[in-house]
C-alpha atoms as a PDB file:
ATOM      1  CA  MET A   1     -62.344 -41.762  85.364  1.00  0.00           C
ATOM      2  CA  PRO A   2     -59.959 -42.736  88.170  1.00  0.00           C
ATOM      3  CA  TYR A   3     -62.033 -41.233  90.988  1.00  0.00           C
ATOM      4  CA  GLY A   4     -65.586 -41.489  92.258  1.00  0.00           C
ATOM      5  CA  LEU A   5     -68.445 -39.038  92.765  1.00  0.00           C
ATOM      6  CA  LYS A   6     -67.396 -38.088  96.301  1.00  0.00           C
ATOM      7  CA  GLU A   7     -63.862 -37.217  95.156  1.00  0.00           C
ATOM      8  CA  ARG A   8     -65.182 -35.360  92.079  1.00  0.00           C
ATOM      9  CA  ALA A   9     -67.449 -33.271  94.323  1.00  0.00           C
ATOM     10  CA  TYR A  10     -64.562 -32.508  96.682  1.00  0.00           C
ATOM     11  CA  ILE A  11     -62.261 -31.579  93.791  1.00  0.00           C
ATOM     12  CA  ALA A  12     -64.991 -29.424  92.206  1.00  0.00           C
ATOM     13  CA  GLY A  13     -65.296 -27.591  95.533  1.00  0.00           C
ATOM     14  CA  ILE A  14     -61.554 -26.919  95.481  1.00  0.00           C
ATOM     15  CA  ILE A  15     -61.820 -25.539  91.926  1.00  0.00           C
ATOM     16  CA  ASP A  16     -64.901 -23.441  92.802  1.00  0.00           C
ATOM     17  CA  GLY A  17     -63.176 -21.972  95.854  1.00  0.00           C
ATOM     18  CA  GLU A  18     -59.459 -21.832  95.117  1.00  0.00           C
ATOM     19  CA  GLY A  19     -59.090 -22.568  91.418  1.00  0.00           C
ATOM     20  CA  SER A  20     -58.798 -20.406  88.369  1.00  0.00           C
ATOM     21  CA  ILE A  21     -59.840 -21.363  84.860  1.00  0.00           C
ATOM     22  CA  VAL A  22     -58.067 -19.132  82.376  1.00  0.00           C
ATOM     23  CA  ILE A  23     -57.625 -18.786  78.645  1.00  0.00           C
ATOM     24  CA  SER A  24     -54.354 -16.929  78.287  1.00  0.00           C
ATOM     25  CA  LYS A  25     -53.393 -14.856  75.281  1.00  0.00           C
ATOM     26  CA  SER A  26     -49.829 -14.063  74.327  1.00  0.00           C
ATOM     27  CA  TYR A  27     -47.815 -13.032  71.301  1.00  0.00           C
ATOM     28  CA  ARG A  28     -44.596 -14.432  69.945  1.00  0.00           C
ATOM     29  CA  LYS A  29     -42.155 -12.414  67.925  1.00  0.00           C
ATOM     30  CA  ALA A  30     -41.220 -15.290  65.634  1.00  0.00           C
ATOM     31  CA  LYS A  31     -42.019 -14.543  62.019  1.00  0.00           C
ATOM     32  CA  ARG A  32     -43.955 -17.799  61.613  1.00  0.00           C
ATOM     33  CA  TYR A  33     -46.716 -16.520  63.910  1.00  0.00           C
ATOM     34  CA  ASN A  34     -47.440 -13.559  61.610  1.00  0.00           C
ATOM     35  CA  GLY A  35     -48.538 -11.424  64.548  1.00  0.00           C
ATOM     36  CA  LYS A  36     -51.289 -13.889  65.506  1.00  0.00           C
ATOM     37  CA  PRO A  37     -51.922 -14.450  69.210  1.00  0.00           C
ATOM     38  CA  ILE A  38     -51.396 -17.762  70.953  1.00  0.00           C
ATOM     39  CA  TYR A  39     -54.263 -18.888  73.189  1.00  0.00           C
ATOM     40  CA  SER A  40     -54.002 -21.620  75.815  1.00  0.00           C
ATOM     41  CA  LEU A  41     -56.237 -23.138  78.463  1.00  0.00           C
ATOM     42  CA  GLN A  42     -54.886 -23.390  81.998  1.00  0.00           C
ATOM     43  CA  ILE A  43     -56.378 -24.413  85.335  1.00  0.00           C
ATOM     44  CA  THR A  44     -54.518 -23.491  88.505  1.00  0.00           C
ATOM     45  CA  VAL A  45     -55.068 -24.095  92.201  1.00  0.00           C
ATOM     46  CA  GLU A  46     -52.679 -22.074  94.376  1.00  0.00           C
ATOM     47  CA  MET A  47     -52.539 -22.455  98.154  1.00  0.00           C
ATOM     48  CA  GLY A  48     -50.283 -21.867 101.123  1.00  0.00           C
ATOM     49  CA  CYS A  49     -50.360 -25.576 101.951  1.00  0.00           C
ATOM     50  CA  ARG A  50     -48.692 -28.228  99.837  1.00  0.00           C
ATOM     51  CA  GLU A  51     -51.094 -31.082 100.663  1.00  0.00           C
ATOM     52  CA  ILE A  52     -54.062 -30.078  98.453  1.00  0.00           C
ATOM     53  CA  PRO A  53     -52.052 -29.515  95.230  1.00  0.00           C
ATOM     54  CA  GLU A  54     -50.233 -32.806  95.896  1.00  0.00           C
ATOM     55  CA  TYR A  55     -53.603 -34.518  96.450  1.00  0.00           C
ATOM     56  CA  LEU A  56     -54.800 -33.225  93.058  1.00  0.00           C
ATOM     57  CA  ILE A  57     -51.743 -34.670  91.336  1.00  0.00           C
ATOM     58  CA  GLN A  58     -52.187 -38.031  93.078  1.00  0.00           C
ATOM     59  CA  VAL A  59     -55.902 -38.350  92.315  1.00  0.00           C
ATOM     60  CA  ILE A  60     -56.092 -36.785  88.848  1.00  0.00           C
ATOM     61  CA  ARG A  61     -52.690 -38.088  87.733  1.00  0.00           C
ATOM     62  CA  LYS A  62     -52.197 -35.062  85.498  1.00  0.00           C
ATOM     63  CA  GLY A  63     -50.736 -31.620  85.945  1.00  0.00           C
ATOM     64  CA  SER A  64     -47.690 -30.386  87.783  1.00  0.00           C
ATOM     65  CA  LEU A  65     -46.767 -29.002  91.184  1.00  0.00           C
ATOM     66  CA  GLN A  66     -44.945 -25.690  91.354  1.00  0.00           C
ATOM     67  CA  SER A  67     -43.925 -23.461  94.223  1.00  0.00           C
ATOM     68  CA  ARG A  68     -42.975 -19.817  94.532  1.00  0.00           C
ATOM     69  CA  ILE A  69     -42.455 -17.150  97.142  1.00  0.00           C
ATOM     70  CA  ARG A  70     -45.155 -14.498  96.892  1.00  0.00           C
ATOM     71  CA  PRO A  71     -43.670 -11.009  96.664  1.00  0.00           C
ATOM     72  CA  ASN A  72     -44.193  -8.919  99.803  1.00  0.00           C
ATOM     73  CA  HIS A  73     -45.530 -11.927 101.728  1.00  0.00           C
ATOM     74  CA  GLN A  74     -42.388 -14.031 102.195  1.00  0.00           C
ATOM     75  CA  ARG A  75     -44.617 -17.080 102.106  1.00  0.00           C
ATOM     76  CA  GLU A  76     -44.199 -20.114  99.920  1.00  0.00           C
ATOM     77  CA  MET A  77     -47.213 -20.872  97.743  1.00  0.00           C
ATOM     78  CA  PHE A  78     -47.893 -24.198  96.053  1.00  0.00           C
ATOM     79  CA  SER A  79     -49.720 -24.553  92.753  1.00  0.00           C
ATOM     80  CA  TRP A  80     -51.267 -27.423  90.866  1.00  0.00           C
ATOM     81  CA  ILE A  81     -51.401 -26.515  87.166  1.00  0.00           C
ATOM     82  CA  ILE A  82     -52.903 -28.380  84.228  1.00  0.00           C
ATOM     83  CA  TYR A  83     -52.973 -27.245  80.589  1.00  0.00           C
ATOM     84  CA  GLY A  84     -54.678 -27.799  77.251  1.00  0.00           C
ATOM     85  CA  LYS A  85     -56.359 -31.073  76.409  1.00  0.00           C
ATOM     86  CA  ASP A  86     -55.640 -32.496  79.880  1.00  0.00           C
ATOM     87  CA  ALA A  87     -57.399 -29.472  81.391  1.00  0.00           C
ATOM     88  CA  LYS A  88     -60.353 -29.977  79.055  1.00  0.00           C
ATOM     89  CA  LYS A  89     -60.690 -33.635  79.989  1.00  0.00           C
ATOM     90  CA  PHE A  90     -60.465 -32.773  83.684  1.00  0.00           C
ATOM     91  CA  LEU A  91     -63.187 -30.115  83.358  1.00  0.00           C
ATOM     92  CA  GLU A  92     -65.434 -32.550  81.500  1.00  0.00           C
ATOM     93  CA  GLU A  93     -65.093 -34.969  84.421  1.00  0.00           C
ATOM     94  CA  ILE A  94     -65.994 -32.462  87.166  1.00  0.00           C
ATOM     95  CA  LYS A  95     -68.258 -30.012  85.291  1.00  0.00           C
ATOM     96  CA  ASN A  96     -71.509 -31.392  86.708  1.00  0.00           C
ATOM     97  CA  GLU A  97     -70.258 -30.977  90.282  1.00  0.00           C
ATOM     98  CA  LEU A  98     -69.101 -27.380  89.793  1.00  0.00           C
ATOM     99  CA  VAL A  99     -71.390 -24.651  91.107  1.00  0.00           C
ATOM    100  CA  TYR A 100     -69.652 -21.295  90.975  1.00  0.00           C
ATOM    101  CA  LYS A 101     -67.356 -21.934  87.986  1.00  0.00           C
ATOM    102  CA  LYS A 102     -69.577 -24.177  85.879  1.00  0.00           C
ATOM    103  CA  ARG A 103     -70.037 -21.579  83.102  1.00  0.00           C
ATOM    104  CA  GLU A 104     -66.283 -20.923  83.040  1.00  0.00           C
ATOM    105  CA  ALA A 105     -65.716 -24.658  82.599  1.00  0.00           C
ATOM    106  CA  GLU A 106     -68.216 -24.815  79.737  1.00  0.00           C
ATOM    107  CA  ILE A 107     -66.504 -21.934  77.928  1.00  0.00           C
ATOM    108  CA  ALA A 108     -63.073 -23.503  78.500  1.00  0.00           C
ATOM    109  CA  ILE A 109     -64.231 -26.872  77.138  1.00  0.00           C
ATOM    110  CA  GLU A 110     -65.742 -25.246  74.044  1.00  0.00           C
ATOM    111  CA  PHE A 111     -62.567 -23.220  73.547  1.00  0.00           C
ATOM    112  CA  GLN A 112     -60.327 -26.277  73.705  1.00  0.00           C
ATOM    113  CA  GLU A 113     -62.533 -28.003  71.135  1.00  0.00           C
ATOM    114  CA  THR A 114     -61.732 -25.205  68.660  1.00  0.00           C
ATOM    115  CA  LEU A 115     -58.101 -26.320  68.847  1.00  0.00           C
ATOM    116  CA  ILE A 116     -58.937 -29.643  67.223  1.00  0.00           C
ATOM    117  CA  LYS A 117     -57.751 -28.657  63.798  1.00  0.00           C
ATOM    118  CA  LYS A 118     -56.061 -29.789  60.665  1.00  0.00           C
ATOM    119  CA  GLY A 119     -53.073 -27.945  59.321  1.00  0.00           C
ATOM    120  CA  ARG A 120     -50.752 -25.466  60.923  1.00  0.00           C
ATOM    121  CA  LYS A 121     -51.674 -22.585  63.217  1.00  0.00           C
ATOM    122  CA  ARG A 122     -50.841 -19.978  60.645  1.00  0.00           C
ATOM    123  CA  SER A 123     -53.147 -21.622  58.102  1.00  0.00           C
ATOM    124  CA  LEU A 124     -56.259 -21.597  60.286  1.00  0.00           C
ATOM    125  CA  PRO A 125     -59.220 -19.754  58.807  1.00  0.00           C
ATOM    126  CA  GLN A 126     -59.846 -16.271  60.208  1.00  0.00           C
ATOM    127  CA  LYS A 127     -63.194 -17.435  61.631  1.00  0.00           C
ATOM    128  CA  ILE A 128     -61.323 -19.844  63.953  1.00  0.00           C
ATOM    129  CA  TRP A 129     -59.052 -17.015  65.164  1.00  0.00           C
ATOM    130  CA  ASP A 130     -62.163 -14.885  65.752  1.00  0.00           C
ATOM    131  CA  LEU A 131     -63.825 -17.725  67.648  1.00  0.00           C
ATOM    132  CA  LYS A 132     -60.767 -18.192  69.885  1.00  0.00           C
ATOM    133  CA  GLU A 133     -60.764 -14.466  70.648  1.00  0.00           C
ATOM    134  CA  GLN A 134     -64.467 -14.627  71.498  1.00  0.00           C
ATOM    135  CA  PHE A 135     -63.909 -17.485  73.972  1.00  0.00           C
ATOM    136  CA  TYR A 136     -61.015 -15.546  75.507  1.00  0.00           C
ATOM    137  CA  LEU A 137     -63.180 -12.433  75.929  1.00  0.00           C
ATOM    138  CA  ASN A 138     -66.213 -14.357  77.229  1.00  0.00           C
ATOM    139  CA  LEU A 139     -64.181 -16.020  79.960  1.00  0.00           C
ATOM    140  CA  LYS A 140     -62.495 -12.723  80.826  1.00  0.00           C
ATOM    141  CA  ARG A 141     -65.923 -11.057  81.144  1.00  0.00           C
ATOM    142  CA  LEU A 142     -67.052 -13.758  83.566  1.00  0.00           C
ATOM    143  CA  HIS A 143     -63.988 -13.116  85.748  1.00  0.00           C
ATOM    144  CA  TYR A 144     -64.642  -9.380  85.883  1.00  0.00           C
ATOM    145  CA  ALA A 145     -68.424  -9.676  86.361  1.00  0.00           C
ATOM    146  CA  ILE A 146     -67.861 -10.971  89.881  1.00  0.00           C
END
């Protein structure tokens, strides 16, 4: 872990206040996917200032910085984004300091562990697909319960 308790607590506060922990679900038209959804873990922090997302990249040494103009606001927004196994590792490091989003982090970590698999995506047992869908729905329910 490249950062100490004080930094982890600060970063956890950023995630609790400005971050989003999401399991996204999408579909690809390619025949090899056989109509199965694709699930992925993503953590994002989006702010009007560039300094905090840049700080996250410097301290965590993972993720990327993106910017965009928000429609109807004409304001540039800056995002720090981290995906997949890097997101899981990051959540494992800060989970104990999270307050508001601790349960979301636990679900996201468990979800990412279901992706440790042997074989190809299309050959996964149906119970793994069902489990992924359950994680997706559980996290979605937490977002809408607020």
